Every structure is written in structure tokens, then in C-alpha cells.
Amino acid sequence: MPLLQTCSQTIWQQKTAPDIQGRVFSFRRVIAWSSLPLAYLAAGPLADKVFTPLLLEGGALAGSVGRLLGVGPGRGIGLLYIVLGLVTFAATAVAYAYTPLRDVETLLPDQLPEQAAVK
């Protein structure tokens, strides 16, 4: 994560005019952090009500995924982590396949401090 965040922050700083960076970075943080309460509220019920029953003895995935992760109480949260990891991987692959996003460093001009001062 530190490497990813460093690369992202560097691109945002190079492509955003210095005079509006504070507003842009604040908005980015609001968008990113607004999902945290939803994630906290959803994780427990998802693990307890959806994923755990799948990996209990006799559950729908006990004979397949259960062989790899094991079955019983507490295994649902492990399955939730794996599913979320796969979703993250899929989102990354889709983002990489989108050429304008992949080439943002070359497509957008850098915003230099002296350009902001001239305006």
C-alpha cells in the first residue's frame, strides 16, 4: 500500500495545479474515506450471515472451498477476505485495461508552480 499510495500521490501532485491542490486532495480524501463507515457496517453481518453459513459443516461451499480453508466457525471471515481480494484484483485489471487511466501520466500535462503564478 505505501508504494501504491506514493505513486498515486505523485501523479496527483504533478497533474493538479498548485493553487487548487488543497481542494482537490481534500475532495479525494472525502471520497476515499466515505466508504469506510459502510465497510465497517457491512463486514460483520456479511461474515456472520452470508459467508460463515457457507463454510459450516454441511454448508454450500464446505465440500469445495471448505477443503482449502477448512469448515467451522470463523472460516467465513477468511472467505470474505479472499473474495474482497479477488474483487480488488478484478478492479485493478479493469482499471489497467482502460487505456486513458493507464496512460494518465503521458496524456495529462504536468502543472508546474510557475504556471499557476502566471495565471
PDB file of N, CA and C in Angstrom:
ATOM      1  N   MET A   1       0.799  -1.205   0.000  1.00  0.00           N
ATOM      2  CA  MET A   1       0.000   0.000   0.000  1.00  0.00           C
ATOM      3  C   MET A   1       0.845   1.276   0.000  1.00  0.00           C
ATOM      4  N   PRO A   2       1.934   1.337   0.759  1.00  0.00           N
ATOM      5  CA  PRO A   2       2.716   2.575   0.713  1.00  0.00           C
ATOM      6  C   PRO A   2       3.245   2.896  -0.689  1.00  0.00           C
ATOM      7  N   LEU A   3       3.669   1.880  -1.424  1.00  0.00           N
ATOM      8  CA  LEU A   3       4.161   2.110  -2.782  1.00  0.00           C
ATOM      9  C   LEU A   3       3.033   2.611  -3.680  1.00  0.00           C
ATOM     10  N   LEU A   4       1.880   1.993  -3.590  1.00  0.00           N
ATOM     11  CA  LEU A   4       0.723   2.404  -4.383  1.00  0.00           C
ATOM     12  C   LEU A   4       0.317   3.836  -4.047  1.00  0.00           C
ATOM     13  N   GLN A   5       0.239   4.154  -2.773  1.00  0.00           N
ATOM     14  CA  GLN A   5      -0.177   5.495  -2.357  1.00  0.00           C
ATOM     15  C   GLN A   5       0.847   6.554  -2.756  1.00  0.00           C
ATOM     16  N   THR A   6       2.116   6.196  -2.701  1.00  0.00           N
ATOM     17  CA  THR A   6       3.164   7.132  -3.105  1.00  0.00           C
ATOM     18  C   THR A   6       3.062   7.449  -4.588  1.00  0.00           C
ATOM     19  N   CYS A   7       2.865   6.433  -5.409  1.00  0.00           N
ATOM     20  CA  CYS A   7       2.736   6.646  -6.856  1.00  0.00           C
ATOM     21  C   CYS A   7       1.502   7.476  -7.169  1.00  0.00           C
ATOM     22  N   SER A   8       0.390   7.149  -6.532  1.00  0.00           N
ATOM     23  CA  SER A   8      -0.851   7.886  -6.755  1.00  0.00           C
ATOM     24  C   SER A   8      -0.695   9.352  -6.351  1.00  0.00           C
ATOM     25  N   GLN A   9      -0.141   9.593  -5.185  1.00  0.00           N
ATOM     26  CA  GLN A   9       0.022  10.970  -4.697  1.00  0.00           C
ATOM     27  C   GLN A   9       0.943  11.765  -5.613  1.00  0.00           C
ATOM     28  N   THR A  10       1.990  11.136  -6.106  1.00  0.00           N
ATOM     29  CA  THR A  10       2.924  11.812  -7.004  1.00  0.00           C
ATOM     30  C   THR A  10       2.234  12.240  -8.288  1.00  0.00           C
ATOM     31  N   ILE A  11       1.437  11.349  -8.863  1.00  0.00           N
ATOM     32  CA  ILE A  11       0.712  11.685 -10.095  1.00  0.00           C
ATOM     33  C   ILE A  11      -0.261  12.832  -9.838  1.00  0.00           C
ATOM     34  N   TRP A  12      -1.024  12.756  -8.747  1.00  0.00           N
ATOM     35  CA  TRP A  12      -1.987  13.822  -8.433  1.00  0.00           C
ATOM     36  C   TRP A  12      -1.277  15.162  -8.235  1.00  0.00           C
ATOM     37  N   GLN A  13      -0.136  15.155  -7.572  1.00  0.00           N
ATOM     38  CA  GLN A  13       0.579  16.408  -7.337  1.00  0.00           C
ATOM     39  C   GLN A  13       1.143  16.986  -8.632  1.00  0.00           C
ATOM     40  N   GLN A  14       1.578  16.135  -9.540  1.00  0.00           N
ATOM     41  CA  GLN A  14       2.135  16.623 -10.800  1.00  0.00           C
ATOM     42  C   GLN A  14       1.050  17.133 -11.742  1.00  0.00           C
ATOM     43  N   LYS A  15      -0.133  16.535 -11.698  1.00  0.00           N
ATOM     44  CA  LYS A  15      -1.178  16.860 -12.664  1.00  0.00           C
ATOM     45  C   LYS A  15      -2.177  17.912 -12.170  1.00  0.00           C
ATOM     46  N   THR A  16      -2.115  18.274 -10.900  1.00  0.00           N
ATOM     47  CA  THR A  16      -3.046  19.249 -10.338  1.00  0.00           C
ATOM     48  C   THR A  16      -2.329  20.577 -10.129  1.00  0.00           C
ATOM     49  N   ALA A  17      -2.959  21.644 -10.556  1.00  0.00           N
ATOM     50  CA  ALA A  17      -2.370  22.973 -10.381  1.00  0.00           C
ATOM     51  C   ALA A  17      -2.164  23.249  -8.890  1.00  0.00           C
ATOM     52  N   PRO A  18      -1.010  23.800  -8.538  1.00  0.00           N
ATOM     53  CA  PRO A  18      -0.697  24.022  -7.124  1.00  0.00           C
ATOM     54  C   PRO A  18      -1.723  24.861  -6.374  1.00  0.00           C
ATOM     55  N   ASP A  19      -2.362  25.812  -7.052  1.00  0.00           N
ATOM     56  CA  ASP A  19      -3.291  26.692  -6.355  1.00  0.00           C
ATOM     57  C   ASP A  19      -4.610  26.013  -5.974  1.00  0.00           C
ATOM     58  N   ILE A  20      -4.891  24.828  -6.514  1.00  0.00           N
ATOM     59  CA  ILE A  20      -6.127  24.120  -6.141  1.00  0.00           C
ATOM     60  C   ILE A  20      -5.855  22.746  -5.527  1.00  0.00           C
ATOM     61  N   GLN A  21      -4.600  22.443  -5.260  1.00  0.00           N
ATOM     62  CA  GLN A  21      -4.273  21.124  -4.721  1.00  0.00           C
ATOM     63  C   GLN A  21      -4.968  20.840  -3.395  1.00  0.00           C
ATOM     64  N   GLY A  22      -5.075  21.820  -2.529  1.00  0.00           N
ATOM     65  CA  GLY A  22      -5.726  21.603  -1.240  1.00  0.00           C
ATOM     66  C   GLY A  22      -7.165  21.150  -1.396  1.00  0.00           C
ATOM     67  N   ARG A  23      -7.902  21.820  -2.273  1.00  0.00           N
ATOM     68  CA  ARG A  23      -9.303  21.447  -2.507  1.00  0.00           C
ATOM     69  C   ARG A  23      -9.416  20.073  -3.161  1.00  0.00           C
ATOM     70  N   VAL A  24      -8.557  19.805  -4.135  1.00  0.00           N
ATOM     71  CA  VAL A  24      -8.601  18.517  -4.833  1.00  0.00           C
ATOM     72  C   VAL A  24      -8.248  17.379  -3.884  1.00  0.00           C
ATOM     73  N   PHE A  25      -7.205  17.551  -3.098  1.00  0.00           N
ATOM     74  CA  PHE A  25      -6.785  16.479  -2.191  1.00  0.00           C
ATOM     75  C   PHE A  25      -7.808  16.266  -1.075  1.00  0.00           C
ATOM     76  N   SER A  26      -8.439  17.341  -0.611  1.00  0.00           N
ATOM     77  CA  SER A  26      -9.499  17.189   0.397  1.00  0.00           C
ATOM     78  C   SER A  26     -10.672  16.405  -0.171  1.00  0.00           C
ATOM     79  N   PHE A  27     -11.059  16.718  -1.387  1.00  0.00           N
ATOM     80  CA  PHE A  27     -12.171  16.009  -2.026  1.00  0.00           C
ATOM     81  C   PHE A  27     -11.829  14.534  -2.227  1.00  0.00           C
ATOM     82  N   ARG A  28     -10.608  14.256  -2.652  1.00  0.00           N
ATOM     83  CA  ARG A  28     -10.169  12.859  -2.809  1.00  0.00           C
ATOM     84  C   ARG A  28     -10.287  12.103  -1.492  1.00  0.00           C
ATOM     85  N   ARG A  29      -9.846  12.732  -0.414  1.00  0.00           N
ATOM     86  CA  ARG A  29      -9.889  12.083   0.892  1.00  0.00           C
ATOM     87  C   ARG A  29     -11.327  11.838   1.344  1.00  0.00           C
ATOM     88  N   VAL A  30     -12.217  12.801   1.113  1.00  0.00           N
ATOM     89  CA  VAL A  30     -13.625  12.625   1.484  1.00  0.00           C
ATOM     90  C   VAL A  30     -14.223  11.439   0.737  1.00  0.00           C
ATOM     91  N   ILE A  31     -13.966  11.345  -0.554  1.00  0.00           N
ATOM     92  CA  ILE A  31     -14.492  10.230  -1.353  1.00  0.00           C
ATOM     93  C   ILE A  31     -13.926   8.904  -0.847  1.00  0.00           C
ATOM     94  N   ALA A  32     -12.623   8.858  -0.633  1.00  0.00           N
ATOM     95  CA  ALA A  32     -11.990   7.604  -0.206  1.00  0.00           C
ATOM     96  C   ALA A  32     -12.463   7.174   1.180  1.00  0.00           C
ATOM     97  N   TRP A  33     -12.553   8.102   2.098  1.00  0.00           N
ATOM     98  CA  TRP A  33     -12.904   7.754   3.473  1.00  0.00           C
ATOM     99  C   TRP A  33     -14.402   7.590   3.684  1.00  0.00           C
ATOM    100  N   SER A  34     -15.211   8.069   2.756  1.00  0.00           N
ATOM    101  CA  SER A  34     -16.659   7.938   2.935  1.00  0.00           C
ATOM    102  C   SER A  34     -17.110   6.483   2.836  1.00  0.00           C
ATOM    103  N   SER A  35     -16.314   5.650   2.233  1.00  0.00           N
ATOM    104  CA  SER A  35     -16.684   4.237   2.126  1.00  0.00           C
ATOM    105  C   SER A  35     -16.377   3.448   3.400  1.00  0.00           C
ATOM    106  N   LEU A  36     -15.545   3.977   4.285  1.00  0.00           N
ATOM    107  CA  LEU A  36     -15.161   3.244   5.489  1.00  0.00           C
ATOM    108  C   LEU A  36     -16.340   2.929   6.410  1.00  0.00           C
ATOM    109  N   PRO A  37     -17.222   3.870   6.733  1.00  0.00           N
ATOM    110  CA  PRO A  37     -18.344   3.503   7.599  1.00  0.00           C
ATOM    111  C   PRO A  37     -19.218   2.400   6.999  1.00  0.00           C
ATOM    112  N   LEU A  38     -19.438   2.463   5.690  1.00  0.00           N
ATOM    113  CA  LEU A  38     -20.214   1.416   5.031  1.00  0.00           C
ATOM    114  C   LEU A  38     -19.503   0.069   5.137  1.00  0.00           C
ATOM    115  N   ALA A  39     -18.202   0.075   4.941  1.00  0.00           N
ATOM    116  CA  ALA A  39     -17.435  -1.174   5.042  1.00  0.00           C
ATOM    117  C   ALA A  39     -17.499  -1.736   6.457  1.00  0.00           C
ATOM    118  N   TYR A  40     -17.362  -0.884   7.464  1.00  0.00           N
ATOM    119  CA  TYR A  40     -17.422  -1.342   8.856  1.00  0.00           C
ATOM    120  C   TYR A  40     -18.794  -1.903   9.196  1.00  0.00           C
ATOM    121  N   LEU A  41     -19.838  -1.255   8.692  1.00  0.00           N
ATOM    122  CA  LEU A  41     -21.200  -1.717   8.979  1.00  0.00           C
ATOM    123  C   LEU A  41     -21.534  -3.013   8.238  1.00  0.00           C
ATOM    124  N   ALA A  42     -20.965  -3.211   7.061  1.00  0.00           N
ATOM    125  CA  ALA A  42     -21.310  -4.374   6.241  1.00  0.00           C
ATOM    126  C   ALA A  42     -20.462  -5.607   6.551  1.00  0.00           C
ATOM    127  N   ALA A  43     -19.243  -5.437   7.003  1.00  0.00           N
ATOM    128  CA  ALA A  43     -18.327  -6.573   7.158  1.00  0.00           C
ATOM    129  C   ALA A  43     -18.821  -7.610   8.158  1.00  0.00           C
ATOM    130  N   GLY A  44     -19.252  -7.189   9.313  1.00  0.00           N
ATOM    131  CA  GLY A  44     -19.709  -8.139  10.334  1.00  0.00           C
ATOM    132  C   GLY A  44     -20.913  -8.955   9.890  1.00  0.00           C
ATOM    133  N   PRO A  45     -22.000  -8.276   9.479  1.00  0.00           N
ATOM    134  CA  PRO A  45     -23.157  -9.046   9.017  1.00  0.00           C
ATOM    135  C   PRO A  45     -22.853  -9.944   7.812  1.00  0.00           C
ATOM    136  N   LEU A  46     -22.035  -9.472   6.883  1.00  0.00           N
ATOM    137  CA  LEU A  46     -21.674 -10.312   5.735  1.00  0.00           C
ATOM    138  C   LEU A  46     -20.931 -11.564   6.190  1.00  0.00           C
ATOM    139  N   ALA A  47     -19.974 -11.383   7.077  1.00  0.00           N
ATOM    140  CA  ALA A  47     -19.210 -12.531   7.553  1.00  0.00           C
ATOM    141  C   ALA A  47     -20.111 -13.506   8.323  1.00  0.00           C
ATOM    142  N   ASP A  48     -20.954 -12.971   9.213  1.00  0.00           N
ATOM    143  CA  ASP A  48     -21.777 -13.831  10.071  1.00  0.00           C
ATOM    144  C   ASP A  48     -22.968 -14.456   9.360  1.00  0.00           C
ATOM    145  N   LYS A  49     -23.631 -13.699   8.512  1.00  0.00           N
ATOM    146  CA  LYS A  49     -24.896 -14.159   7.921  1.00  0.00           C
ATOM    147  C   LYS A  49     -24.751 -14.772   6.525  1.00  0.00           C
ATOM    148  N   VAL A  50     -23.697 -14.405   5.809  1.00  0.00           N
ATOM    149  CA  VAL A  50     -23.543 -14.891   4.429  1.00  0.00           C
ATOM    150  C   VAL A  50     -22.390 -15.887   4.315  1.00  0.00           C
ATOM    151  N   PHE A  51     -21.188 -15.470   4.703  1.00  0.00           N
ATOM    152  CA  PHE A  51     -20.008 -16.295   4.445  1.00  0.00           C
ATOM    153  C   PHE A  51     -19.819 -17.437   5.436  1.00  0.00           C
ATOM    154  N   THR A  52     -20.105 -17.205   6.705  1.00  0.00           N
ATOM    155  CA  THR A  52     -19.943 -18.276   7.697  1.00  0.00           C
ATOM    156  C   THR A  52     -20.858 -19.458   7.410  1.00  0.00           C
ATOM    157  N   PRO A  53     -22.158 -19.253   7.117  1.00  0.00           N
ATOM    158  CA  PRO A  53     -23.001 -20.417   6.815  1.00  0.00           C
ATOM    159  C   PRO A  53     -22.517 -21.226   5.604  1.00  0.00           C
ATOM    160  N   LEU A  54     -21.860 -20.575   4.676  1.00  0.00           N
ATOM    161  CA  LEU A  54     -21.344 -21.286   3.507  1.00  0.00           C
ATOM    162  C   LEU A  54     -20.247 -22.274   3.894  1.00  0.00           C
ATOM    163  N   LEU A  55     -19.511 -21.974   4.977  1.00  0.00           N
ATOM    164  CA  LEU A  55     -18.381 -22.809   5.369  1.00  0.00           C
ATOM    165  C   LEU A  55     -18.605 -23.554   6.688  1.00  0.00           C
ATOM    166  N   LEU A  56     -19.847 -23.677   7.090  1.00  0.00           N
ATOM    167  CA  LEU A  56     -20.155 -24.545   8.225  1.00  0.00           C
ATOM    168  C   LEU A  56     -20.247 -25.984   7.734  1.00  0.00           C
ATOM    169  N   GLU A  57     -20.152 -26.925   8.637  1.00  0.00           N
ATOM    170  CA  GLU A  57     -20.298 -28.345   8.287  1.00  0.00           C
ATOM    171  C   GLU A  57     -21.631 -28.521   7.550  1.00  0.00           C
ATOM    172  N   GLY A  58     -21.579 -29.026   6.314  1.00  0.00           N
ATOM    173  CA  GLY A  58     -22.782 -29.209   5.504  1.00  0.00           C
ATOM    174  C   GLY A  58     -23.190 -27.962   4.732  1.00  0.00           C
ATOM    175  N   GLY A  59     -22.414 -26.883   4.801  1.00  0.00           N
ATOM    176  CA  GLY A  59     -22.723 -25.651   4.073  1.00  0.00           C
ATOM    177  C   GLY A  59     -22.485 -25.817   2.575  1.00  0.00           C
ATOM    178  N   ALA A  60     -22.976 -24.856   1.823  1.00  0.00           N
ATOM    179  CA  ALA A  60     -22.918 -24.931   0.359  1.00  0.00           C
ATOM    180  C   ALA A  60     -21.493 -25.039  -0.183  1.00  0.00           C
ATOM    181  N   LEU A  61     -20.535 -24.440   0.484  1.00  0.00           N
ATOM    182  CA  LEU A  61     -19.142 -24.477  -0.006  1.00  0.00           C
ATOM    183  C   LEU A  61     -18.226 -25.362   0.836  1.00  0.00           C
ATOM    184  N   ALA A  62     -18.797 -26.093   1.770  1.00  0.00           N
ATOM    185  CA  ALA A  62     -17.980 -26.926   2.663  1.00  0.00           C
ATOM    186  C   ALA A  62     -17.204 -27.989   1.900  1.00  0.00           C
ATOM    187  N   GLY A  63     -17.793 -28.546   0.863  1.00  0.00           N
ATOM    188  CA  GLY A  63     -17.132 -29.606   0.114  1.00  0.00           C
ATOM    189  C   GLY A  63     -16.123 -29.118  -0.906  1.00  0.00           C
ATOM    190  N   SER A  64     -16.175 -27.835  -1.266  1.00  0.00           N
ATOM    191  CA  SER A  64     -15.252 -27.313  -2.278  1.00  0.00           C
ATOM    192  C   SER A  64     -14.246 -26.348  -1.642  1.00  0.00           C
ATOM    193  N   VAL A  65     -14.660 -25.140  -1.384  1.00  0.00           N
ATOM    194  CA  VAL A  65     -13.774 -24.143  -0.783  1.00  0.00           C
ATOM    195  C   VAL A  65     -13.405 -24.556   0.640  1.00  0.00           C
ATOM    196  N   GLY A  66     -14.310 -25.248   1.309  1.00  0.00           N
ATOM    197  CA  GLY A  66     -14.059 -25.709   2.669  1.00  0.00           C
ATOM    198  C   GLY A  66     -12.879 -26.653   2.768  1.00  0.00           C
ATOM    199  N   ARG A  67     -12.591 -27.374   1.716  1.00  0.00           N
ATOM    200  CA  ARG A  67     -11.411 -28.253   1.715  1.00  0.00           C
ATOM    201  C   ARG A  67     -10.124 -27.452   1.783  1.00  0.00           C
ATOM    202  N   LEU A  68     -10.157 -26.273   1.203  1.00  0.00           N
ATOM    203  CA  LEU A  68      -8.966 -25.420   1.192  1.00  0.00           C
ATOM    204  C   LEU A  68      -8.876 -24.583   2.474  1.00  0.00           C
ATOM    205  N   LEU A  69      -9.991 -23.979   2.886  1.00  0.00           N
ATOM    206  CA  LEU A  69      -9.990 -23.073   4.036  1.00  0.00           C
ATOM    207  C   LEU A  69     -10.353 -23.743   5.345  1.00  0.00           C
ATOM    208  N   GLY A  70     -10.978 -24.883   5.266  1.00  0.00           N
ATOM    209  CA  GLY A  70     -11.490 -25.538   6.452  1.00  0.00           C
ATOM    210  C   GLY A  70     -12.946 -25.153   6.667  1.00  0.00           C
ATOM    211  N   VAL A  71     -13.610 -25.871   7.533  1.00  0.00           N
ATOM    212  CA  VAL A  71     -15.009 -25.580   7.830  1.00  0.00           C
ATOM    213  C   VAL A  71     -15.162 -25.334   9.327  1.00  0.00           C
ATOM    214  N   GLY A  72     -16.193 -24.573   9.654  1.00  0.00           N
ATOM    215  CA  GLY A  72     -16.480 -24.307  11.060  1.00  0.00           C
ATOM    216  C   GLY A  72     -16.574 -22.822  11.323  1.00  0.00           C
ATOM    217  N   PRO A  73     -16.840 -22.479  12.571  1.00  0.00           N
ATOM    218  CA  PRO A  73     -16.963 -21.066  12.945  1.00  0.00           C
ATOM    219  C   PRO A  73     -15.661 -20.303  12.675  1.00  0.00           C
ATOM    220  N   GLY A  74     -15.797 -19.082  12.225  1.00  0.00           N
ATOM    221  CA  GLY A  74     -14.629 -18.239  11.964  1.00  0.00           C
ATOM    222  C   GLY A  74     -14.062 -18.358  10.565  1.00  0.00           C
ATOM    223  N   ARG A  75     -14.491 -19.337   9.813  1.00  0.00           N
ATOM    224  CA  ARG A  75     -13.952 -19.507   8.447  1.00  0.00           C
ATOM    225  C   ARG A  75     -14.589 -18.534   7.460  1.00  0.00           C
ATOM    226  N   GLY A  76     -15.763 -18.021   7.802  1.00  0.00           N
ATOM    227  CA  GLY A  76     -16.465 -17.090   6.907  1.00  0.00           C
ATOM    228  C   GLY A  76     -15.702 -15.804   6.695  1.00  0.00           C
ATOM    229  N   ILE A  77     -15.063 -15.297   7.746  1.00  0.00           N
ATOM    230  CA  ILE A  77     -14.301 -14.054   7.601  1.00  0.00           C
ATOM    231  C   ILE A  77     -13.103 -14.269   6.684  1.00  0.00           C
ATOM    232  N   GLY A  78     -12.506 -15.461   6.731  1.00  0.00           N
ATOM    233  CA  GLY A  78     -11.414 -15.779   5.809  1.00  0.00           C
ATOM    234  C   GLY A  78     -11.886 -15.784   4.368  1.00  0.00           C
ATOM    235  N   LEU A  79     -13.066 -16.355   4.152  1.00  0.00           N
ATOM    236  CA  LEU A  79     -13.634 -16.367   2.795  1.00  0.00           C
ATOM    237  C   LEU A  79     -13.955 -14.947   2.344  1.00  0.00           C
ATOM    238  N   LEU A  80     -14.459 -14.127   3.266  1.00  0.00           N
ATOM    239  CA  LEU A  80     -14.748 -12.725   2.934  1.00  0.00           C
ATOM    240  C   LEU A  80     -13.472 -12.012   2.500  1.00  0.00           C
ATOM    241  N   TYR A  81     -12.375 -12.201   3.212  1.00  0.00           N
ATOM    242  CA  TYR A  81     -11.102 -11.586   2.832  1.00  0.00           C
ATOM    243  C   TYR A  81     -10.654 -12.052   1.443  1.00  0.00           C
ATOM    244  N   ILE A  82     -10.811 -13.316   1.164  1.00  0.00           N
ATOM    245  CA  ILE A  82     -10.406 -13.834  -0.146  1.00  0.00           C
ATOM    246  C   ILE A  82     -11.267 -13.240  -1.249  1.00  0.00           C
ATOM    247  N   VAL A  83     -12.574 -13.185  -1.028  1.00  0.00           N
ATOM    248  CA  VAL A  83     -13.475 -12.612  -2.029  1.00  0.00           C
ATOM    249  C   VAL A  83     -13.141 -11.143  -2.262  1.00  0.00           C
ATOM    250  N   LEU A  84     -12.916 -10.391  -1.194  1.00  0.00           N
ATOM    251  CA  LEU A  84     -12.573  -8.978  -1.352  1.00  0.00           C
ATOM    252  C   LEU A  84     -11.221  -8.798  -2.047  1.00  0.00           C
ATOM    253  N   GLY A  85     -10.281  -9.692  -1.798  1.00  0.00           N
ATOM    254  CA  GLY A  85      -9.016  -9.650  -2.513  1.00  0.00           C
ATOM    255  C   GLY A  85      -9.196  -9.893  -4.004  1.00  0.00           C
ATOM    256  N   LEU A  86     -10.069 -10.836  -4.348  1.00  0.00           N
ATOM    257  CA  LEU A  86     -10.350 -11.101  -5.760  1.00  0.00           C
ATOM    258  C   LEU A  86     -11.071  -9.934  -6.425  1.00  0.00           C
ATOM    259  N   VAL A  87     -11.978  -9.296  -5.693  1.00  0.00           N
ATOM    260  CA  VAL A  87     -12.661  -8.110  -6.216  1.00  0.00           C
ATOM    261  C   VAL A  87     -11.656  -6.986  -6.461  1.00  0.00           C
ATOM    262  N   THR A  88     -10.730  -6.802  -5.528  1.00  0.00           N
ATOM    263  CA  THR A  88      -9.692  -5.781  -5.697  1.00  0.00           C
ATOM    264  C   THR A  88      -8.825  -6.090  -6.909  1.00  0.00           C
ATOM    265  N   PHE A  89      -8.448  -7.340  -7.066  1.00  0.00           N
ATOM    266  CA  PHE A  89      -7.647  -7.739  -8.228  1.00  0.00           C
ATOM    267  C   PHE A  89      -8.414  -7.484  -9.524  1.00  0.00           C
ATOM    268  N   ALA A  90      -9.699  -7.832  -9.555  1.00  0.00           N
ATOM    269  CA  ALA A  90     -10.511  -7.615 -10.757  1.00  0.00           C
ATOM    270  C   ALA A  90     -10.645  -6.128 -11.067  1.00  0.00           C
ATOM    271  N   ALA A  91     -10.860  -5.308 -10.047  1.00  0.00           N
ATOM    272  CA  ALA A  91     -10.960  -3.859 -10.262  1.00  0.00           C
ATOM    273  C   ALA A  91      -9.651  -3.299 -10.803  1.00  0.00           C
ATOM    274  N   THR A  92      -8.535  -3.805 -10.306  1.00  0.00           N
ATOM    275  CA  THR A  92      -7.227  -3.373 -10.792  1.00  0.00           C
ATOM    276  C   THR A  92      -7.036  -3.765 -12.251  1.00  0.00           C
ATOM    277  N   ALA A  93      -7.441  -4.966 -12.610  1.00  0.00           N
ATOM    278  CA  ALA A  93      -7.313  -5.419 -14.002  1.00  0.00           C
ATOM    279  C   ALA A  93      -8.185  -4.582 -14.939  1.00  0.00           C
ATOM    280  N   VAL A  94      -9.395  -4.268 -14.508  1.00  0.00           N
ATOM    281  CA  VAL A  94     -10.286  -3.436 -15.325  1.00  0.00           C
ATOM    282  C   VAL A  94      -9.702  -2.035 -15.477  1.00  0.00           C
ATOM    283  N   ALA A  95      -9.194  -1.472 -14.388  1.00  0.00           N
ATOM    284  CA  ALA A  95      -8.591  -0.138 -14.456  1.00  0.00           C
ATOM    285  C   ALA A  95      -7.369  -0.139 -15.371  1.00  0.00           C
ATOM    286  N   TYR A  96      -6.574  -1.190 -15.309  1.00  0.00           N
ATOM    287  CA  TYR A  96      -5.395  -1.273 -16.178  1.00  0.00           C
ATOM    288  C   TYR A  96      -5.794  -1.412 -17.647  1.00  0.00           C
ATOM    289  N   ALA A  97      -6.885  -2.083 -17.908  1.00  0.00           N
ATOM    290  CA  ALA A  97      -7.340  -2.259 -19.288  1.00  0.00           C
ATOM    291  C   ALA A  97      -7.897  -0.969 -19.884  1.00  0.00           C
ATOM    292  N   TYR A  98      -8.267  -0.018 -19.041  1.00  0.00           N
ATOM    293  CA  TYR A  98      -8.799   1.264 -19.515  1.00  0.00           C
ATOM    294  C   TYR A  98      -7.619   2.172 -19.876  1.00  0.00           C
ATOM    295  N   THR A  99      -7.345   2.304 -21.154  1.00  0.00           N
ATOM    296  CA  THR A  99      -6.149   2.983 -21.649  1.00  0.00           C
ATOM    297  C   THR A  99      -5.984   4.416 -21.144  1.00  0.00           C
ATOM    298  N   PRO A 100      -7.029   5.261 -21.148  1.00  0.00           N
ATOM    299  CA  PRO A 100      -6.815   6.630 -20.645  1.00  0.00           C
ATOM    300  C   PRO A 100      -6.350   6.672 -19.185  1.00  0.00           C
ATOM    301  N   LEU A 101      -6.812   5.770 -18.379  1.00  0.00           N
ATOM    302  CA  LEU A 101      -6.365   5.735 -16.988  1.00  0.00           C
ATOM    303  C   LEU A 101      -4.931   5.222 -16.892  1.00  0.00           C
ATOM    304  N   ARG A 102      -4.620   4.202 -17.668  1.00  0.00           N
ATOM    305  CA  ARG A 102      -3.271   3.629 -17.647  1.00  0.00           C
ATOM    306  C   ARG A 102      -2.230   4.639 -18.138  1.00  0.00           C
ATOM    307  N   ASP A 103      -2.607   5.482 -19.098  1.00  0.00           N
ATOM    308  CA  ASP A 103      -1.667   6.428 -19.699  1.00  0.00           C
ATOM    309  C   ASP A 103      -1.824   7.852 -19.173  1.00  0.00           C
ATOM    310  N   VAL A 104      -2.413   8.018 -18.000  1.00  0.00           N
ATOM    311  CA  VAL A 104      -2.693   9.352 -17.478  1.00  0.00           C
ATOM    312  C   VAL A 104      -1.425  10.193 -17.331  1.00  0.00           C
ATOM    313  N   GLU A 105      -0.309   9.564 -17.041  1.00  0.00           N
ATOM    314  CA  GLU A 105       0.938  10.329 -16.874  1.00  0.00           C
ATOM    315  C   GLU A 105       1.393  10.982 -18.169  1.00  0.00           C
ATOM    316  N   THR A 106       1.125  10.358 -19.298  1.00  0.00           N
ATOM    317  CA  THR A 106       1.545  10.944 -20.570  1.00  0.00           C
ATOM    318  C   THR A 106       0.444  11.772 -21.220  1.00  0.00           C
ATOM    319  N   LEU A 107      -0.810  11.462 -20.936  1.00  0.00           N
ATOM    320  CA  LEU A 107      -1.918  12.179 -21.560  1.00  0.00           C
ATOM    321  C   LEU A 107      -2.175  13.553 -20.947  1.00  0.00           C
ATOM    322  N   LEU A 108      -2.014  13.686 -19.649  1.00  0.00           N
ATOM    323  CA  LEU A 108      -2.258  14.965 -18.981  1.00  0.00           C
ATOM    324  C   LEU A 108      -0.947  15.725 -18.810  1.00  0.00           C
ATOM    325  N   PRO A 109      -0.956  17.025 -19.067  1.00  0.00           N
ATOM    326  CA  PRO A 109       0.271  17.794 -18.864  1.00  0.00           C
ATOM    327  C   PRO A 109       0.539  18.010 -17.382  1.00  0.00           C
ATOM    328  N   ASP A 110       1.814  18.137 -17.041  1.00  0.00           N
ATOM    329  CA  ASP A 110       2.187  18.462 -15.666  1.00  0.00           C
ATOM    330  C   ASP A 110       1.815  19.910 -15.383  1.00  0.00           C
ATOM    331  N   GLN A 111       1.402  20.182 -14.153  1.00  0.00           N
ATOM    332  CA  GLN A 111       1.093  21.541 -13.715  1.00  0.00           C
ATOM    333  C   GLN A 111       2.264  22.042 -12.890  1.00  0.00           C
ATOM    334  N   LEU A 112       3.020  22.940 -13.446  1.00  0.00           N
ATOM    335  CA  LEU A 112       4.212  23.444 -12.779  1.00  0.00           C
ATOM    336  C   LEU A 112       3.865  24.663 -11.919  1.00  0.00           C
ATOM    337  N   PRO A 113       4.578  24.872 -10.818  1.00  0.00           N
ATOM    338  CA  PRO A 113       4.279  26.003  -9.944  1.00  0.00           C
ATOM    339  C   PRO A 113       4.319  27.359 -10.648  1.00  0.00           C
ATOM    340  N   GLU A 114       5.252  27.538 -11.576  1.00  0.00           N
ATOM    341  CA  GLU A 114       5.338  28.830 -12.266  1.00  0.00           C
ATOM    342  C   GLU A 114       4.137  29.079 -13.177  1.00  0.00           C
ATOM    343  N   GLN A 115       3.492  28.009 -13.678  1.00  0.00           N
ATOM    344  CA  GLN A 115       2.286  28.178 -14.495  1.00  0.00           C
ATOM    345  C   GLN A 115       1.135  28.709 -13.642  1.00  0.00           C
ATOM    346  N   ALA A 116       1.040  28.289 -12.409  1.00  0.00           N
ATOM    347  CA  ALA A 116      -0.029  28.757 -11.531  1.00  0.00           C
ATOM    348  C   ALA A 116       0.175  30.210 -11.147  1.00  0.00           C
ATOM    349  N   ALA A 117       1.420  30.641 -10.993  1.00  0.00           N
ATOM    350  CA  ALA A 117       1.712  32.007 -10.601  1.00  0.00           C
ATOM    351  C   ALA A 117       1.405  32.998 -11.718  1.00  0.00           C
ATOM    352  N   VAL A 118       1.517  32.571 -12.983  1.00  0.00           N
ATOM    353  CA  VAL A 118       1.291  33.436 -14.129  1.00  0.00           C
ATOM    354  C   VAL A 118      -0.189  33.743 -14.303  1.00  0.00           C
ATOM    355  N   LYS A 119      -1.054  32.821 -13.965  1.00  0.00           N
ATOM    356  CA  LYS A 119      -2.496  32.989 -14.198  1.00  0.00           C
ATOM    357  C   LYS A 119      -3.086  34.093 -13.415  1.00  0.00           C
TER     358      LYS A 119
END
